[in-house]
Amino acid sequence: MRSTVRVAGLVTTGLQELDARLLKTHLVTGERLLGTDRVSSIVIGLDDTARTQEVGDALALRLRSASSEPLVLTDWRARAPFYGQVRALYSGVFWFLGGIVFVLVCLATSNTLLMSVMERVREFGTLLAIGTGRGQVALMVVLEALWLGVVGSARRRRAGRRARHRHQRRRHRDAAASRAASRGFPLAARRPPRRFRGQSWA
């Protein structure tokens, strides 16, 4: 028995392993292709992941009252432990690299300030000679360093925003080109063997 379906387009998740196995279809079409009316799991997507626990409790209450069969409700963290492991690994790497960068920035800043002070010994001596206090001289150096830090941070932040906007525009343009290039085409699929029946594909 042959079934004919039409592919409406291509979708990518950013993960090659998932893209190779992902099929998004209507439930009736999936049952017709698999030759079964059973569903092993249902995935519910949320717009706000912060409400995962709240929505999970509400769904569990409704499922217990609506179904007599034992149903298990798991959140996305339990179904994707690899995500937590990768996040912990990258967090450790980022903290380590961030610490190194912080130390390098502190050393570079202190070196710059030291050179600035050493080059302005005569200026500071003149200020002290006309009655300027040592605290005022130190405060002047600190305020200059803070001003340079604020200006440099603002410029770097503006440059980062521009780079991010360019990257986002490039991604949107590539996604639009990919959607325009994808065309539907007929697909002939045979009914799977019996050992695959009763399983659901996502």
C-alpha atoms as a PDB file:
ATOM      1  CA  MET A   1       0.000   0.000   0.000  1.00  0.00           C
ATOM      2  CA  ARG A   2       1.426   3.362  -1.042  1.00  0.00           C
ATOM      3  CA  SER A   3       0.625   6.745   0.458  1.00  0.00           C
ATOM      4  CA  THR A   4       1.411  10.078  -1.143  1.00  0.00           C
ATOM      5  CA  VAL A   5       2.135  13.185   0.875  1.00  0.00           C
ATOM      6  CA  ARG A   6       3.382  16.593  -0.180  1.00  0.00           C
ATOM      7  CA  VAL A   7       6.316  18.283   1.518  1.00  0.00           C
ATOM      8  CA  ALA A   8       5.395  21.909   2.151  1.00  0.00           C
ATOM      9  CA  GLY A   9       8.890  23.105   3.078  1.00  0.00           C
ATOM     10  CA  LEU A  10      12.073  22.543   5.021  1.00  0.00           C
ATOM     11  CA  VAL A  11      12.753  23.526   8.630  1.00  0.00           C
ATOM     12  CA  THR A  12      15.993  23.683  10.558  1.00  0.00           C
ATOM     13  CA  THR A  13      16.606  23.695  14.296  1.00  0.00           C
ATOM     14  CA  GLY A  14      20.328  24.444  14.170  1.00  0.00           C
ATOM     15  CA  LEU A  15      21.223  20.886  15.221  1.00  0.00           C
ATOM     16  CA  GLN A  16      22.276  18.570  12.405  1.00  0.00           C
ATOM     17  CA  GLU A  17      21.425  15.365  14.290  1.00  0.00           C
ATOM     18  CA  LEU A  18      17.904  16.630  15.031  1.00  0.00           C
ATOM     19  CA  ASP A  19      17.356  17.978  11.512  1.00  0.00           C
ATOM     20  CA  ALA A  20      18.188  14.541  10.067  1.00  0.00           C
ATOM     21  CA  ARG A  21      15.378  12.911  12.071  1.00  0.00           C
ATOM     22  CA  LEU A  22      12.784  15.671  12.413  1.00  0.00           C
ATOM     23  CA  LEU A  23       9.459  15.367  10.587  1.00  0.00           C
ATOM     24  CA  LYS A  24       6.694  17.839  11.351  1.00  0.00           C
ATOM     25  CA  THR A  25       3.331  16.606  10.121  1.00  0.00           C
ATOM     26  CA  HIS A  26      -0.327  16.444  10.998  1.00  0.00           C
ATOM     27  CA  LEU A  27      -1.399  13.728  13.403  1.00  0.00           C
ATOM     28  CA  VAL A  28      -3.710  12.098  10.857  1.00  0.00           C
ATOM     29  CA  THR A  29      -0.944  12.045   8.242  1.00  0.00           C
ATOM     30  CA  GLY A  30       1.490  10.533  10.731  1.00  0.00           C
ATOM     31  CA  GLU A  31      -0.982   7.813  11.669  1.00  0.00           C
ATOM     32  CA  ARG A  32      -1.573   7.054   7.993  1.00  0.00           C
ATOM     33  CA  LEU A  33       2.148   6.823   7.251  1.00  0.00           C
ATOM     34  CA  LEU A  34       2.906   4.658  10.286  1.00  0.00           C
ATOM     35  CA  GLY A  35      -0.195   2.524   9.935  1.00  0.00           C
ATOM     36  CA  THR A  36      -1.241   3.004  13.565  1.00  0.00           C
ATOM     37  CA  ASP A  37      -3.533   5.159  15.672  1.00  0.00           C
ATOM     38  CA  ARG A  38      -1.358   5.128  18.797  1.00  0.00           C
ATOM     39  CA  VAL A  39       0.557   8.072  20.223  1.00  0.00           C
ATOM     40  CA  SER A  40       3.482   7.505  22.549  1.00  0.00           C
ATOM     41  CA  SER A  41       4.124  11.120  23.528  1.00  0.00           C
ATOM     42  CA  ILE A  42       2.738  14.622  23.049  1.00  0.00           C
ATOM     43  CA  VAL A  43       5.056  17.649  23.118  1.00  0.00           C
ATOM     44  CA  ILE A  44       3.607  20.995  24.223  1.00  0.00           C
ATOM     45  CA  GLY A  45       5.569  24.149  23.473  1.00  0.00           C
ATOM     46  CA  LEU A  46       5.411  27.274  25.634  1.00  0.00           C
ATOM     47  CA  ASP A  47       6.186  30.848  24.668  1.00  0.00           C
ATOM     48  CA  ASP A  48       7.568  31.541  28.150  1.00  0.00           C
ATOM     49  CA  THR A  49       9.723  28.809  29.707  1.00  0.00           C
ATOM     50  CA  ALA A  50       9.479  30.525  33.097  1.00  0.00           C
ATOM     51  CA  ARG A  51       5.917  29.174  33.392  1.00  0.00           C
ATOM     52  CA  THR A  52       6.949  25.550  32.851  1.00  0.00           C
ATOM     53  CA  GLN A  53       6.216  24.472  36.417  1.00  0.00           C
ATOM     54  CA  GLU A  54       2.897  26.339  36.552  1.00  0.00           C
ATOM     55  CA  VAL A  55       1.628  24.922  33.259  1.00  0.00           C
ATOM     56  CA  GLY A  56       2.908  21.458  34.161  1.00  0.00           C
ATOM     57  CA  ASP A  57       0.946  21.396  37.413  1.00  0.00           C
ATOM     58  CA  ALA A  58      -2.220  22.577  35.637  1.00  0.00           C
ATOM     59  CA  LEU A  59      -1.848  19.940  32.908  1.00  0.00           C
ATOM     60  CA  ALA A  60      -1.191  17.178  35.428  1.00  0.00           C
ATOM     61  CA  LEU A  61      -4.369  18.093  37.311  1.00  0.00           C
ATOM     62  CA  ARG A  62      -6.460  18.097  34.145  1.00  0.00           C
ATOM     63  CA  LEU A  63      -4.967  14.858  32.839  1.00  0.00           C
ATOM     64  CA  ARG A  64      -5.660  13.032  36.109  1.00  0.00           C
ATOM     65  CA  SER A  65      -9.291  14.096  35.988  1.00  0.00           C
ATOM     66  CA  ALA A  66      -9.785  13.478  32.250  1.00  0.00           C
ATOM     67  CA  SER A  67      -7.983  10.154  31.696  1.00  0.00           C
ATOM     68  CA  SER A  68      -8.117   6.877  33.552  1.00  0.00           C
ATOM     69  CA  GLU A  69      -4.866   5.604  32.008  1.00  0.00           C
ATOM     70  CA  PRO A  70      -1.569   6.305  33.801  1.00  0.00           C
ATOM     71  CA  LEU A  71       0.112   9.253  32.108  1.00  0.00           C
ATOM     72  CA  VAL A  72       3.552  10.656  32.857  1.00  0.00           C
ATOM     73  CA  LEU A  73       4.214  14.381  32.542  1.00  0.00           C
ATOM     74  CA  THR A  74       7.863  15.456  32.230  1.00  0.00           C
ATOM     75  CA  ASP A  75       9.312  18.889  31.572  1.00  0.00           C
ATOM     76  CA  TRP A  76      11.863  19.719  28.914  1.00  0.00           C
ATOM     77  CA  ARG A  77      14.787  19.599  31.347  1.00  0.00           C
ATOM     78  CA  ALA A  78      14.033  15.988  32.224  1.00  0.00           C
ATOM     79  CA  ARG A  79      13.652  15.050  28.540  1.00  0.00           C
ATOM     80  CA  ALA A  80      16.842  16.842  27.524  1.00  0.00           C
ATOM     81  CA  PRO A  81      19.527  16.216  30.163  1.00  0.00           C
ATOM     82  CA  PHE A  82      22.188  16.864  27.535  1.00  0.00           C
ATOM     83  CA  TYR A  83      21.181  20.533  27.522  1.00  0.00           C
ATOM     84  CA  GLY A  84      21.925  20.888  31.222  1.00  0.00           C
ATOM     85  CA  GLN A  85      25.273  19.144  30.864  1.00  0.00           C
ATOM     86  CA  VAL A  86      26.318  21.308  27.932  1.00  0.00           C
ATOM     87  CA  ARG A  87      25.175  24.460  29.725  1.00  0.00           C
ATOM     88  CA  ALA A  88      27.149  23.559  32.841  1.00  0.00           C
ATOM     89  CA  LEU A  89      30.217  22.819  30.721  1.00  0.00           C
ATOM     90  CA  TYR A  90      30.020  26.091  28.820  1.00  0.00           C
ATOM     91  CA  SER A  91      29.318  28.026  32.022  1.00  0.00           C
ATOM     92  CA  GLY A  92      32.526  26.665  33.529  1.00  0.00           C
ATOM     93  CA  VAL A  93      34.485  27.510  30.380  1.00  0.00           C
ATOM     94  CA  PHE A  94      33.040  31.026  30.234  1.00  0.00           C
ATOM     95  CA  TRP A  95      33.766  31.680  33.903  1.00  0.00           C
ATOM     96  CA  PHE A  96      37.346  30.484  33.451  1.00  0.00           C
ATOM     97  CA  LEU A  97      37.912  32.577  30.333  1.00  0.00           C
ATOM     98  CA  GLY A  98      36.124  35.528  31.926  1.00  0.00           C
ATOM     99  CA  GLY A  99      38.463  35.352  34.915  1.00  0.00           C
ATOM    100  CA  ILE A 100      41.508  35.338  32.622  1.00  0.00           C
ATOM    101  CA  VAL A 101      40.155  38.287  30.629  1.00  0.00           C
ATOM    102  CA  PHE A 102      39.378  40.178  33.842  1.00  0.00           C
ATOM    103  CA  VAL A 103      42.921  39.697  35.121  1.00  0.00           C
ATOM    104  CA  LEU A 104      44.378  40.797  31.775  1.00  0.00           C
ATOM    105  CA  VAL A 105      42.151  43.884  31.707  1.00  0.00           C
ATOM    106  CA  CYS A 106      43.150  44.819  35.255  1.00  0.00           C
ATOM    107  CA  LEU A 107      46.844  44.417  34.421  1.00  0.00           C
ATOM    108  CA  ALA A 108      46.521  46.433  31.219  1.00  0.00           C
ATOM    109  CA  THR A 109      44.563  49.180  32.980  1.00  0.00           C
ATOM    110  CA  SER A 110      46.987  49.388  35.885  1.00  0.00           C
ATOM    111  CA  ASN A 111      49.920  49.514  33.471  1.00  0.00           C
ATOM    112  CA  THR A 112      48.270  52.331  31.499  1.00  0.00           C
ATOM    113  CA  LEU A 113      47.544  54.311  34.662  1.00  0.00           C
ATOM    114  CA  LEU A 114      51.073  53.740  35.964  1.00  0.00           C
ATOM    115  CA  MET A 115      52.600  55.011  32.721  1.00  0.00           C
ATOM    116  CA  SER A 116      50.276  58.021  32.773  1.00  0.00           C
ATOM    117  CA  VAL A 117      51.293  58.856  36.316  1.00  0.00           C
ATOM    118  CA  MET A 118      55.003  58.387  35.619  1.00  0.00           C
ATOM    119  CA  GLU A 119      54.835  60.660  32.579  1.00  0.00           C
ATOM    120  CA  ARG A 120      53.078  63.408  34.573  1.00  0.00           C
ATOM    121  CA  VAL A 121      55.428  63.588  37.542  1.00  0.00           C
ATOM    122  CA  ARG A 122      56.323  67.209  36.798  1.00  0.00           C
ATOM    123  CA  GLU A 123      52.652  68.158  36.483  1.00  0.00           C
ATOM    124  CA  PHE A 124      51.802  66.549  39.790  1.00  0.00           C
ATOM    125  CA  GLY A 125      54.831  68.197  41.402  1.00  0.00           C
ATOM    126  CA  THR A 126      53.668  71.573  40.175  1.00  0.00           C
ATOM    127  CA  LEU A 127      50.159  70.963  41.525  1.00  0.00           C
ATOM    128  CA  LEU A 128      51.573  69.950  44.892  1.00  0.00           C
ATOM    129  CA  ALA A 129      53.824  73.023  44.913  1.00  0.00           C
ATOM    130  CA  ILE A 130      50.908  75.431  44.427  1.00  0.00           C
ATOM    131  CA  GLY A 131      49.005  73.904  47.319  1.00  0.00           C
ATOM    132  CA  THR A 132      46.990  71.046  45.818  1.00  0.00           C
ATOM    133  CA  GLY A 133      46.555  68.211  48.270  1.00  0.00           C
ATOM    134  CA  ARG A 134      47.738  64.673  47.622  1.00  0.00           C
ATOM    135  CA  GLY A 135      44.161  63.423  47.920  1.00  0.00           C
ATOM    136  CA  GLN A 136      43.015  65.858  45.246  1.00  0.00           C
ATOM    137  CA  VAL A 137      45.772  64.686  42.906  1.00  0.00           C
ATOM    138  CA  ALA A 138      44.842  61.049  43.509  1.00  0.00           C
ATOM    139  CA  LEU A 139      41.170  61.883  42.992  1.00  0.00           C
ATOM    140  CA  MET A 140      42.005  63.583  39.687  1.00  0.00           C
ATOM    141  CA  VAL A 141      43.828  60.471  38.455  1.00  0.00           C
ATOM    142  CA  VAL A 142      40.948  58.221  39.506  1.00  0.00           C
ATOM    143  CA  LEU A 143      38.348  60.462  37.832  1.00  0.00           C
ATOM    144  CA  GLU A 144      40.364  60.502  34.603  1.00  0.00           C
ATOM    145  CA  ALA A 145      40.582  56.713  34.668  1.00  0.00           C
ATOM    146  CA  LEU A 146      36.830  56.421  35.274  1.00  0.00           C
ATOM    147  CA  TRP A 147      36.094  58.836  32.432  1.00  0.00           C
ATOM    148  CA  LEU A 148      38.291  56.875  30.037  1.00  0.00           C
ATOM    149  CA  GLY A 149      36.586  53.642  31.137  1.00  0.00           C
ATOM    150  CA  VAL A 150      33.095  55.055  30.610  1.00  0.00           C
ATOM    151  CA  VAL A 151      33.925  56.436  27.166  1.00  0.00           C
ATOM    152  CA  GLY A 152      35.644  53.228  26.094  1.00  0.00           C
ATOM    153  CA  SER A 153      32.764  51.074  27.359  1.00  0.00           C
ATOM    154  CA  ALA A 154      30.209  53.206  25.529  1.00  0.00           C
ATOM    155  CA  ARG A 155      32.126  52.989  22.269  1.00  0.00           C
ATOM    156  CA  ARG A 156      32.605  49.229  22.614  1.00  0.00           C
ATOM    157  CA  ARG A 157      28.939  48.785  23.450  1.00  0.00           C
ATOM    158  CA  ARG A 158      27.893  50.759  20.381  1.00  0.00           C
ATOM    159  CA  ALA A 159      30.231  48.732  18.192  1.00  0.00           C
ATOM    160  CA  GLY A 160      28.846  45.490  19.669  1.00  0.00           C
ATOM    161  CA  ARG A 161      25.275  46.584  18.970  1.00  0.00           C
ATOM    162  CA  ARG A 162      26.121  47.378  15.370  1.00  0.00           C
ATOM    163  CA  ALA A 163      27.796  44.010  14.912  1.00  0.00           C
ATOM    164  CA  ARG A 164      24.805  42.236  16.469  1.00  0.00           C
ATOM    165  CA  HIS A 165      22.344  44.092  14.213  1.00  0.00           C
ATOM    166  CA  ARG A 166      24.378  43.201  11.141  1.00  0.00           C
ATOM    167  CA  HIS A 167      24.462  39.566  12.212  1.00  0.00           C
ATOM    168  CA  GLN A 168      20.694  39.508  12.819  1.00  0.00           C
ATOM    169  CA  ARG A 169      19.969  41.104   9.435  1.00  0.00           C
ATOM    170  CA  ARG A 170      22.211  38.539   7.766  1.00  0.00           C
ATOM    171  CA  ARG A 171      20.403  35.686   9.544  1.00  0.00           C
ATOM    172  CA  HIS A 172      16.977  37.044   8.553  1.00  0.00           C
ATOM    173  CA  ARG A 173      18.118  37.455   4.973  1.00  0.00           C
ATOM    174  CA  ASP A 174      19.489  33.896   4.852  1.00  0.00           C
ATOM    175  CA  ALA A 175      16.291  32.520   6.427  1.00  0.00           C
ATOM    176  CA  ALA A 176      14.141  34.387   3.882  1.00  0.00           C
ATOM    177  CA  ALA A 177      16.273  33.060   1.035  1.00  0.00           C
ATOM    178  CA  SER A 178      15.991  29.539   2.423  1.00  0.00           C
ATOM    179  CA  ARG A 179      12.194  29.794   2.652  1.00  0.00           C
ATOM    180  CA  ALA A 180      12.019  31.162  -0.873  1.00  0.00           C
ATOM    181  CA  ALA A 181      14.228  28.360  -2.184  1.00  0.00           C
ATOM    182  CA  SER A 182      12.217  25.546  -0.534  1.00  0.00           C
ATOM    183  CA  ARG A 183       9.475  24.145  -2.715  1.00  0.00           C
ATOM    184  CA  GLY A 184       7.054  21.358  -2.035  1.00  0.00           C
ATOM    185  CA  PHE A 185       7.497  18.098  -3.870  1.00  0.00           C
ATOM    186  CA  PRO A 186       5.565  14.801  -3.866  1.00  0.00           C
ATOM    187  CA  LEU A 187       6.818  12.041  -1.621  1.00  0.00           C
ATOM    188  CA  ALA A 188       5.790   8.391  -1.937  1.00  0.00           C
ATOM    189  CA  ALA A 189       6.093   6.456   1.329  1.00  0.00           C
ATOM    190  CA  ARG A 190       5.374   2.797   1.919  1.00  0.00           C
ATOM    191  CA  ARG A 191       3.706   1.517   5.046  1.00  0.00           C
ATOM    192  CA  PRO A 192       6.459   0.647   7.570  1.00  0.00           C
ATOM    193  CA  PRO A 193       7.009  -2.903   8.829  1.00  0.00           C
ATOM    194  CA  ARG A 194       5.045  -4.182  11.756  1.00  0.00           C
ATOM    195  CA  ARG A 195       7.931  -3.838  14.175  1.00  0.00           C
ATOM    196  CA  PHE A 196       7.788  -0.067  13.726  1.00  0.00           C
ATOM    197  CA  ARG A 197       4.061   0.206  14.303  1.00  0.00           C
ATOM    198  CA  GLY A 198       2.897   1.707  17.533  1.00  0.00           C
ATOM    199  CA  GLN A 199       5.787   4.173  17.625  1.00  0.00           C
ATOM    200  CA  SER A 200       5.388   7.866  16.941  1.00  0.00           C
ATOM    201  CA  TRP A 201       7.832  10.065  15.114  1.00  0.00           C
ATOM    202  CA  ALA A 202       8.162  13.774  15.747  1.00  0.00           C
END
